[in-house]
Amino acid sequence: MNTSLRIAVAHAMAAMLLLASCATQPPVTAVDPPGFFSGLLHGFLVLFSLIGSVFMDHRIYAFPNSGWWYDLGFFLGASAFLGGGAATAK
């Protein structure tokens, strides 16, 4: 890779980071945010949510949520549905 291409790639990455730093989330207004079991269900349905988000205004990941417990449920649900790495193990 020549020097000018490396510089162009570095500038493109810096521009993407700069634009991503301006992203904001909507304000948190949940009274009863989703917890572990909702995260588990959302993680298990992640592929269908991804397809739905292409055609509709739908989020894959619930916001706002209860934090670490929701994240753990989402991770476990997505791992269970997508194979969790066991699909490639022999």
PDB file of N, CA and C in Angstrom:
ATOM      1  N   MET A   1       0.856  -1.165   0.000  1.00  0.00           N
ATOM      2  CA  MET A   1       0.000   0.000   0.000  1.00  0.00           C
ATOM      3  C   MET A   1       0.905   1.232   0.000  1.00  0.00           C
ATOM      4  N   ASN A   2       0.700   2.121  -0.959  1.00  0.00           N
ATOM      5  CA  ASN A   2       1.565   3.294  -1.023  1.00  0.00           C
ATOM      6  C   ASN A   2       1.135   4.355  -0.009  1.00  0.00           C
ATOM      7  N   THR A   3       1.978   5.344   0.164  1.00  0.00           N
ATOM      8  CA  THR A   3       1.793   6.353   1.207  1.00  0.00           C
ATOM      9  C   THR A   3       0.536   7.195   0.984  1.00  0.00           C
ATOM     10  N   SER A   4       0.261   7.586  -0.249  1.00  0.00           N
ATOM     11  CA  SER A   4      -0.918   8.433  -0.496  1.00  0.00           C
ATOM     12  C   SER A   4      -2.219   7.678  -0.206  1.00  0.00           C
ATOM     13  N   LEU A   5      -2.256   6.382  -0.470  1.00  0.00           N
ATOM     14  CA  LEU A   5      -3.442   5.594  -0.157  1.00  0.00           C
ATOM     15  C   LEU A   5      -3.618   5.461   1.348  1.00  0.00           C
ATOM     16  N   ARG A   6      -2.540   5.276   2.072  1.00  0.00           N
ATOM     17  CA  ARG A   6      -2.608   5.197   3.536  1.00  0.00           C
ATOM     18  C   ARG A   6      -3.118   6.501   4.132  1.00  0.00           C
ATOM     19  N   ILE A   7      -2.659   7.603   3.601  1.00  0.00           N
ATOM     20  CA  ILE A   7      -3.100   8.906   4.090  1.00  0.00           C
ATOM     21  C   ILE A   7      -4.582   9.107   3.792  1.00  0.00           C
ATOM     22  N   ALA A   8      -5.041   8.699   2.613  1.00  0.00           N
ATOM     23  CA  ALA A   8      -6.447   8.824   2.256  1.00  0.00           C
ATOM     24  C   ALA A   8      -7.320   7.965   3.167  1.00  0.00           C
ATOM     25  N   VAL A   9      -6.873   6.757   3.462  1.00  0.00           N
ATOM     26  CA  VAL A   9      -7.622   5.877   4.362  1.00  0.00           C
ATOM     27  C   VAL A   9      -7.668   6.474   5.765  1.00  0.00           C
ATOM     28  N   ALA A  10      -6.555   7.018   6.228  1.00  0.00           N
ATOM     29  CA  ALA A  10      -6.507   7.639   7.555  1.00  0.00           C
ATOM     30  C   ALA A  10      -7.456   8.828   7.628  1.00  0.00           C
ATOM     31  N   HIS A  11      -7.508   9.640   6.570  1.00  0.00           N
ATOM     32  CA  HIS A  11      -8.427  10.784   6.549  1.00  0.00           C
ATOM     33  C   HIS A  11      -9.879  10.321   6.535  1.00  0.00           C
ATOM     34  N   ALA A  12     -10.175   9.275   5.786  1.00  0.00           N
ATOM     35  CA  ALA A  12     -11.548   8.758   5.742  1.00  0.00           C
ATOM     36  C   ALA A  12     -11.963   8.220   7.108  1.00  0.00           C
ATOM     37  N   MET A  13     -11.076   7.511   7.779  1.00  0.00           N
ATOM     38  CA  MET A  13     -11.393   6.987   9.108  1.00  0.00           C
ATOM     39  C   MET A  13     -11.581   8.112  10.115  1.00  0.00           C
ATOM     40  N   ALA A  14     -10.753   9.145  10.038  1.00  0.00           N
ATOM     41  CA  ALA A  14     -10.887  10.288  10.932  1.00  0.00           C
ATOM     42  C   ALA A  14     -12.213  11.009  10.696  1.00  0.00           C
ATOM     43  N   ALA A  15     -12.616  11.132   9.436  1.00  0.00           N
ATOM     44  CA  ALA A  15     -13.897  11.780   9.120  1.00  0.00           C
ATOM     45  C   ALA A  15     -15.064  10.961   9.654  1.00  0.00           C
ATOM     46  N   MET A  16     -14.997   9.630   9.534  1.00  0.00           N
ATOM     47  CA  MET A  16     -16.070   8.778  10.059  1.00  0.00           C
ATOM     48  C   MET A  16     -16.160   8.890  11.573  1.00  0.00           C
ATOM     49  N   LEU A  17     -15.023   8.914  12.258  1.00  0.00           N
ATOM     50  CA  LEU A  17     -15.031   9.063  13.712  1.00  0.00           C
ATOM     51  C   LEU A  17     -15.588  10.419  14.128  1.00  0.00           C
ATOM     52  N   LEU A  18     -15.236  11.452  13.391  1.00  0.00           N
ATOM     53  CA  LEU A  18     -15.738  12.792  13.696  1.00  0.00           C
ATOM     54  C   LEU A  18     -17.253  12.859  13.520  1.00  0.00           C
ATOM     55  N   LEU A  19     -17.770  12.277  12.441  1.00  0.00           N
ATOM     56  CA  LEU A  19     -19.214  12.284  12.218  1.00  0.00           C
ATOM     57  C   LEU A  19     -19.947  11.412  13.227  1.00  0.00           C
ATOM     58  N   ALA A  20     -19.357  10.296  13.620  1.00  0.00           N
ATOM     59  CA  ALA A  20     -19.998   9.410  14.593  1.00  0.00           C
ATOM     60  C   ALA A  20     -20.046  10.051  15.976  1.00  0.00           C
ATOM     61  N   SER A  21     -19.110  10.926  16.267  1.00  0.00           N
ATOM     62  CA  SER A  21     -19.094  11.566  17.582  1.00  0.00           C
ATOM     63  C   SER A  21     -20.235  12.561  17.747  1.00  0.00           C
ATOM     64  N   CYS A  22     -20.864  12.958  16.663  1.00  0.00           N
ATOM     65  CA  CYS A  22     -21.982  13.895  16.723  1.00  0.00           C
ATOM     66  C   CYS A  22     -23.324  13.196  16.916  1.00  0.00           C
ATOM     67  N   ALA A  23     -23.340  11.874  16.878  1.00  0.00           N
ATOM     68  CA  ALA A  23     -24.588  11.128  17.000  1.00  0.00           C
ATOM     69  C   ALA A  23     -25.161  11.271  18.409  1.00  0.00           C
ATOM     70  N   THR A  24     -26.468  11.373  18.498  1.00  0.00           N
ATOM     71  CA  THR A  24     -27.131  11.484  19.795  1.00  0.00           C
ATOM     72  C   THR A  24     -28.236  10.441  19.905  1.00  0.00           C
ATOM     73  N   GLN A  25     -28.623  10.149  21.110  1.00  0.00           N
ATOM     74  CA  GLN A  25     -29.720   9.241  21.385  1.00  0.00           C
ATOM     75  C   GLN A  25     -30.912  10.069  21.850  1.00  0.00           C
ATOM     76  N   PRO A  26     -32.114   9.547  21.641  1.00  0.00           N
ATOM     77  CA  PRO A  26     -33.280  10.262  22.161  1.00  0.00           C
ATOM     78  C   PRO A  26     -33.256  10.294  23.692  1.00  0.00           C
ATOM     79  N   PRO A  27     -33.935  11.248  24.312  1.00  0.00           N
ATOM     80  CA  PRO A  27     -33.909  11.323  25.779  1.00  0.00           C
ATOM     81  C   PRO A  27     -34.579  10.113  26.420  1.00  0.00           C
ATOM     82  N   VAL A  28     -34.073   9.732  27.578  1.00  0.00           N
ATOM     83  CA  VAL A  28     -34.605   8.581  28.302  1.00  0.00           C
ATOM     84  C   VAL A  28     -35.898   8.987  28.996  1.00  0.00           C
ATOM     85  N   THR A  29     -36.997   8.338  28.624  1.00  0.00           N
ATOM     86  CA  THR A  29     -38.293   8.663  29.216  1.00  0.00           C
ATOM     87  C   THR A  29     -39.063   7.409  29.604  1.00  0.00           C
ATOM     88  N   ALA A  30     -38.384   6.303  29.834  1.00  0.00           N
ATOM     89  CA  ALA A  30     -39.067   5.041  30.142  1.00  0.00           C
ATOM     90  C   ALA A  30     -39.452   4.971  31.610  1.00  0.00           C
ATOM     91  N   VAL A  31     -40.658   4.506  31.865  1.00  0.00           N
ATOM     92  CA  VAL A  31     -41.119   4.304  33.226  1.00  0.00           C
ATOM     93  C   VAL A  31     -40.706   2.916  33.703  1.00  0.00           C
ATOM     94  N   ASP A  32     -40.886   1.918  32.846  1.00  0.00           N
ATOM     95  CA  ASP A  32     -40.524   0.540  33.168  1.00  0.00           C
ATOM     96  C   ASP A  32     -39.697  -0.018  32.009  1.00  0.00           C
ATOM     97  N   PRO A  33     -38.373   0.238  31.988  1.00  0.00           N
ATOM     98  CA  PRO A  33     -37.561  -0.178  30.845  1.00  0.00           C
ATOM     99  C   PRO A  33     -37.434  -1.698  30.766  1.00  0.00           C
ATOM    100  N   PRO A  34     -37.210  -2.234  29.560  1.00  0.00           N
ATOM    101  CA  PRO A  34     -37.090  -3.685  29.408  1.00  0.00           C
ATOM    102  C   PRO A  34     -35.877  -4.220  30.164  1.00  0.00           C
ATOM    103  N   GLY A  35     -36.023  -5.405  30.723  1.00  0.00           N
ATOM    104  CA  GLY A  35     -34.970  -6.016  31.524  1.00  0.00           C
ATOM    105  C   GLY A  35     -34.373  -7.247  30.864  1.00  0.00           C
ATOM    106  N   PHE A  36     -33.927  -8.195  31.696  1.00  0.00           N
ATOM    107  CA  PHE A  36     -33.198  -9.370  31.228  1.00  0.00           C
ATOM    108  C   PHE A  36     -34.016 -10.214  30.261  1.00  0.00           C
ATOM    109  N   PHE A  37     -35.244 -10.550  30.613  1.00  0.00           N
ATOM    110  CA  PHE A  37     -36.044 -11.446  29.779  1.00  0.00           C
ATOM    111  C   PHE A  37     -36.455 -10.783  28.465  1.00  0.00           C
ATOM    112  N   SER A  38     -36.688  -9.490  28.490  1.00  0.00           N
ATOM    113  CA  SER A  38     -36.961  -8.776  27.237  1.00  0.00           C
ATOM    114  C   SER A  38     -35.715  -8.769  26.361  1.00  0.00           C
ATOM    115  N   GLY A  39     -34.557  -8.586  26.970  1.00  0.00           N
ATOM    116  CA  GLY A  39     -33.300  -8.645  26.226  1.00  0.00           C
ATOM    117  C   GLY A  39     -33.064 -10.016  25.623  1.00  0.00           C
ATOM    118  N   LEU A  40     -33.411 -11.053  26.381  1.00  0.00           N
ATOM    119  CA  LEU A  40     -33.273 -12.420  25.887  1.00  0.00           C
ATOM    120  C   LEU A  40     -34.160 -12.629  24.656  1.00  0.00           C
ATOM    121  N   LEU A  41     -35.395 -12.171  24.731  1.00  0.00           N
ATOM    122  CA  LEU A  41     -36.309 -12.291  23.598  1.00  0.00           C
ATOM    123  C   LEU A  41     -35.838 -11.452  22.416  1.00  0.00           C
ATOM    124  N   HIS A  42     -35.423 -10.224  22.655  1.00  0.00           N
ATOM    125  CA  HIS A  42     -34.959  -9.354  21.575  1.00  0.00           C
ATOM    126  C   HIS A  42     -33.707  -9.918  20.922  1.00  0.00           C
ATOM    127  N   GLY A  43     -32.821 -10.506  21.727  1.00  0.00           N
ATOM    128  CA  GLY A  43     -31.630 -11.130  21.162  1.00  0.00           C
ATOM    129  C   GLY A  43     -31.960 -12.340  20.317  1.00  0.00           C
ATOM    130  N   PHE A  44     -32.937 -13.126  20.762  1.00  0.00           N
ATOM    131  CA  PHE A  44     -33.318 -14.316  20.014  1.00  0.00           C
ATOM    132  C   PHE A  44     -33.973 -13.942  18.685  1.00  0.00           C
ATOM    133  N   LEU A  45     -34.644 -12.794  18.638  1.00  0.00           N
ATOM    134  CA  LEU A  45     -35.331 -12.344  17.429  1.00  0.00           C
ATOM    135  C   LEU A  45     -34.517 -11.332  16.625  1.00  0.00           C
ATOM    136  N   VAL A  46     -33.208 -11.265  16.860  1.00  0.00           N
ATOM    137  CA  VAL A  46     -32.372 -10.230  16.270  1.00  0.00           C
ATOM    138  C   VAL A  46     -32.382 -10.271  14.741  1.00  0.00           C
ATOM    139  N   LEU A  47     -32.376 -11.434  14.141  1.00  0.00           N
ATOM    140  CA  LEU A  47     -32.364 -11.517  12.679  1.00  0.00           C
ATOM    141  C   LEU A  47     -33.658 -10.978  12.084  1.00  0.00           C
ATOM    142  N   PHE A  48     -34.784 -11.307  12.698  1.00  0.00           N
ATOM    143  CA  PHE A  48     -36.070 -10.812  12.209  1.00  0.00           C
ATOM    144  C   PHE A  48     -36.187  -9.301  12.425  1.00  0.00           C
ATOM    145  N   SER A  49     -35.632  -8.819  13.535  1.00  0.00           N
ATOM    146  CA  SER A  49     -35.634  -7.371  13.791  1.00  0.00           C
ATOM    147  C   SER A  49     -34.764  -6.640  12.787  1.00  0.00           C
ATOM    148  N   LEU A  50     -33.654  -7.245  12.394  1.00  0.00           N
ATOM    149  CA  LEU A  50     -32.781  -6.638  11.397  1.00  0.00           C
ATOM    150  C   LEU A  50     -33.507  -6.508  10.063  1.00  0.00           C
ATOM    151  N   ILE A  51     -34.183  -7.562   9.654  1.00  0.00           N
ATOM    152  CA  ILE A  51     -34.936  -7.517   8.401  1.00  0.00           C
ATOM    153  C   ILE A  51     -36.055  -6.485   8.493  1.00  0.00           C
ATOM    154  N   GLY A  52     -36.757  -6.448   9.620  1.00  0.00           N
ATOM    155  CA  GLY A  52     -37.818  -5.468   9.803  1.00  0.00           C
ATOM    156  C   GLY A  52     -37.309  -4.040   9.814  1.00  0.00           C
ATOM    157  N   SER A  53     -36.100  -3.819  10.346  1.00  0.00           N
ATOM    158  CA  SER A  53     -35.562  -2.462  10.412  1.00  0.00           C
ATOM    159  C   SER A  53     -35.175  -1.929   9.046  1.00  0.00           C
ATOM    160  N   VAL A  54     -34.975  -2.819   8.076  1.00  0.00           N
ATOM    161  CA  VAL A  54     -34.662  -2.377   6.722  1.00  0.00           C
ATOM    162  C   VAL A  54     -35.892  -1.756   6.075  1.00  0.00           C
ATOM    163  N   PHE A  55     -37.078  -2.318   6.353  1.00  0.00           N
ATOM    164  CA  PHE A  55     -38.296  -1.877   5.695  1.00  0.00           C
ATOM    165  C   PHE A  55     -39.146  -0.922   6.536  1.00  0.00           C
ATOM    166  N   MET A  56     -38.927  -0.893   7.861  1.00  0.00           N
ATOM    167  CA  MET A  56     -39.740  -0.049   8.740  1.00  0.00           C
ATOM    168  C   MET A  56     -38.831   0.739   9.684  1.00  0.00           C
ATOM    169  N   ASP A  57     -39.419   1.685  10.372  1.00  0.00           N
ATOM    170  CA  ASP A  57     -38.681   2.440  11.380  1.00  0.00           C
ATOM    171  C   ASP A  57     -38.735   1.641  12.683  1.00  0.00           C
ATOM    172  N   HIS A  58     -37.825   0.697  12.804  1.00  0.00           N
ATOM    173  CA  HIS A  58     -37.823  -0.245  13.922  1.00  0.00           C
ATOM    174  C   HIS A  58     -36.386  -0.424  14.410  1.00  0.00           C
ATOM    175  N   ARG A  59     -36.205  -0.448  15.721  1.00  0.00           N
ATOM    176  CA  ARG A  59     -34.875  -0.637  16.293  1.00  0.00           C
ATOM    177  C   ARG A  59     -34.629  -2.107  16.596  1.00  0.00           C
ATOM    178  N   ILE A  60     -33.388  -2.524  16.442  1.00  0.00           N
ATOM    179  CA  ILE A  60     -33.002  -3.890  16.785  1.00  0.00           C
ATOM    180  C   ILE A  60     -32.810  -4.003  18.291  1.00  0.00           C
ATOM    181  N   TYR A  61     -32.288  -2.963  18.897  1.00  0.00           N
ATOM    182  CA  TYR A  61     -31.893  -2.945  20.298  1.00  0.00           C
ATOM    183  C   TYR A  61     -32.780  -1.949  21.039  1.00  0.00           C
ATOM    184  N   ALA A  62     -33.407  -2.374  22.128  1.00  0.00           N
ATOM    185  CA  ALA A  62     -34.339  -1.501  22.850  1.00  0.00           C
ATOM    186  C   ALA A  62     -33.613  -0.356  23.544  1.00  0.00           C
ATOM    187  N   PHE A  63     -34.124   0.832  23.350  1.00  0.00           N
ATOM    188  CA  PHE A  63     -33.607   2.006  24.048  1.00  0.00           C
ATOM    189  C   PHE A  63     -34.792   2.810  24.536  1.00  0.00           C
ATOM    190  N   PRO A  64     -34.835   3.203  25.760  1.00  0.00           N
ATOM    191  CA  PRO A  64     -33.920   2.909  26.865  1.00  0.00           C
ATOM    192  C   PRO A  64     -34.198   1.511  27.417  1.00  0.00           C
ATOM    193  N   ASN A  65     -33.182   0.961  28.061  1.00  0.00           N
ATOM    194  CA  ASN A  65     -33.324  -0.357  28.665  1.00  0.00           C
ATOM    195  C   ASN A  65     -32.764  -0.314  30.078  1.00  0.00           C
ATOM    196  N   SER A  66     -32.784  -1.457  30.766  1.00  0.00           N
ATOM    197  CA  SER A  66     -32.361  -1.481  32.172  1.00  0.00           C
ATOM    198  C   SER A  66     -30.855  -1.585  32.349  1.00  0.00           C
ATOM    199  N   GLY A  67     -30.107  -1.542  31.260  1.00  0.00           N
ATOM    200  CA  GLY A  67     -28.649  -1.526  31.370  1.00  0.00           C
ATOM    201  C   GLY A  67     -28.022  -2.895  31.219  1.00  0.00           C
ATOM    202  N   TRP A  68     -27.163  -3.236  32.172  1.00  0.00           N
ATOM    203  CA  TRP A  68     -26.333  -4.432  32.084  1.00  0.00           C
ATOM    204  C   TRP A  68     -27.161  -5.700  31.965  1.00  0.00           C
ATOM    205  N   TRP A  69     -28.261  -5.808  32.682  1.00  0.00           N
ATOM    206  CA  TRP A  69     -29.089  -7.010  32.628  1.00  0.00           C
ATOM    207  C   TRP A  69     -29.714  -7.191  31.252  1.00  0.00           C
ATOM    208  N   TYR A  70     -30.184  -6.105  30.646  1.00  0.00           N
ATOM    209  CA  TYR A  70     -30.732  -6.186  29.296  1.00  0.00           C
ATOM    210  C   TYR A  70     -29.639  -6.604  28.318  1.00  0.00           C
ATOM    211  N   ASP A  71     -28.462  -6.013  28.452  1.00  0.00           N
ATOM    212  CA  ASP A  71     -27.339  -6.358  27.572  1.00  0.00           C
ATOM    213  C   ASP A  71     -26.991  -7.840  27.671  1.00  0.00           C
ATOM    214  N   LEU A  72     -26.971  -8.377  28.891  1.00  0.00           N
ATOM    215  CA  LEU A  72     -26.666  -9.789  29.087  1.00  0.00           C
ATOM    216  C   LEU A  72     -27.732 -10.667  28.435  1.00  0.00           C
ATOM    217  N   GLY A  73     -28.997 -10.346  28.622  1.00  0.00           N
ATOM    218  CA  GLY A  73     -30.072 -11.102  27.998  1.00  0.00           C
ATOM    219  C   GLY A  73     -30.007 -11.036  26.483  1.00  0.00           C
ATOM    220  N   PHE A  74     -29.726  -9.847  25.949  1.00  0.00           N
ATOM    221  CA  PHE A  74     -29.619  -9.682  24.498  1.00  0.00           C
ATOM    222  C   PHE A  74     -28.477 -10.526  23.956  1.00  0.00           C
ATOM    223  N   PHE A  75     -27.342 -10.500  24.626  1.00  0.00           N
ATOM    224  CA  PHE A  75     -26.178 -11.277  24.190  1.00  0.00           C
ATOM    225  C   PHE A  75     -26.476 -12.772  24.225  1.00  0.00           C
ATOM    226  N   LEU A  76     -27.080 -13.252  25.309  1.00  0.00           N
ATOM    227  CA  LEU A  76     -27.393 -14.677  25.418  1.00  0.00           C
ATOM    228  C   LEU A  76     -28.429 -15.105  24.381  1.00  0.00           C
ATOM    229  N   GLY A  77     -29.439 -14.277  24.158  1.00  0.00           N
ATOM    230  CA  GLY A  77     -30.458 -14.596  23.157  1.00  0.00           C
ATOM    231  C   GLY A  77     -29.890 -14.620  21.750  1.00  0.00           C
ATOM    232  N   ALA A  78     -29.062 -13.625  21.420  1.00  0.00           N
ATOM    233  CA  ALA A  78     -28.451 -13.595  20.090  1.00  0.00           C
ATOM    234  C   ALA A  78     -27.490 -14.767  19.918  1.00  0.00           C
ATOM    235  N   SER A  79     -26.761 -15.108  20.964  1.00  0.00           N
ATOM    236  CA  SER A  79     -25.843 -16.248  20.890  1.00  0.00           C
ATOM    237  C   SER A  79     -26.601 -17.543  20.689  1.00  0.00           C
ATOM    238  N   ALA A  80     -27.717 -17.703  21.374  1.00  0.00           N
ATOM    239  CA  ALA A  80     -28.513 -18.925  21.237  1.00  0.00           C
ATOM    240  C   ALA A  80     -29.094 -19.032  19.828  1.00  0.00           C
ATOM    241  N   PHE A  81     -29.575 -17.922  19.280  1.00  0.00           N
ATOM    242  CA  PHE A  81     -30.192 -17.968  17.962  1.00  0.00           C
ATOM    243  C   PHE A  81     -29.157 -18.117  16.850  1.00  0.00           C
ATOM    244  N   LEU A  82     -28.045 -17.410  16.971  1.00  0.00           N
ATOM    245  CA  LEU A  82     -27.040 -17.388  15.898  1.00  0.00           C
ATOM    246  C   LEU A  82     -26.018 -18.503  16.022  1.00  0.00           C
ATOM    247  N   GLY A  83     -26.080 -19.325  17.042  1.00  0.00           N
ATOM    248  CA  GLY A  83     -25.180 -20.460  17.155  1.00  0.00           C
ATOM    249  C   GLY A  83     -24.104 -20.265  18.197  1.00  0.00           C
ATOM    250  N   GLY A  84     -23.791 -19.069  18.584  1.00  0.00           N
ATOM    251  CA  GLY A  84     -22.829 -18.808  19.652  1.00  0.00           C
ATOM    252  C   GLY A  84     -21.425 -19.303  19.388  1.00  0.00           C
ATOM    253  N   GLY A  85     -21.028 -19.487  18.163  1.00  0.00           N
ATOM    254  CA  GLY A  85     -19.698 -19.971  17.843  1.00  0.00           C
ATOM    255  C   GLY A  85     -19.610 -21.487  17.789  1.00  0.00           C
ATOM    256  N   ALA A  86     -20.618 -22.163  18.303  1.00  0.00           N
ATOM    257  CA  ALA A  86     -20.608 -23.627  18.288  1.00  0.00           C
ATOM    258  C   ALA A  86     -20.844 -24.177  16.882  1.00  0.00           C
ATOM    259  N   ALA A  87     -21.420 -23.355  16.026  1.00  0.00           N
ATOM    260  CA  ALA A  87     -21.694 -23.816  14.661  1.00  0.00           C
ATOM    261  C   ALA A  87     -20.398 -24.066  13.889  1.00  0.00           C
ATOM    262  N   THR A  88     -19.327 -23.357  14.213  1.00  0.00           N
ATOM    263  CA  THR A  88     -18.063 -23.535  13.511  1.00  0.00           C
ATOM    264  C   THR A  88     -17.117 -24.468  14.239  1.00  0.00           C
ATOM    265  N   ALA A  89     -17.406 -24.795  15.480  1.00  0.00           N
ATOM    266  CA  ALA A  89     -16.542 -25.705  16.225  1.00  0.00           C
ATOM    267  C   ALA A  89     -16.767 -27.142  15.770  1.00  0.00           C
ATOM    268  N   LYS A  90     -15.692 -27.896  15.769  1.00  0.00           N
ATOM    269  CA  LYS A  90     -15.820 -29.304  15.347  1.00  0.00           C
ATOM    270  C   LYS A  90     -15.320 -30.209  16.431  1.00  0.00           C
TER     271      LYS A  90
END
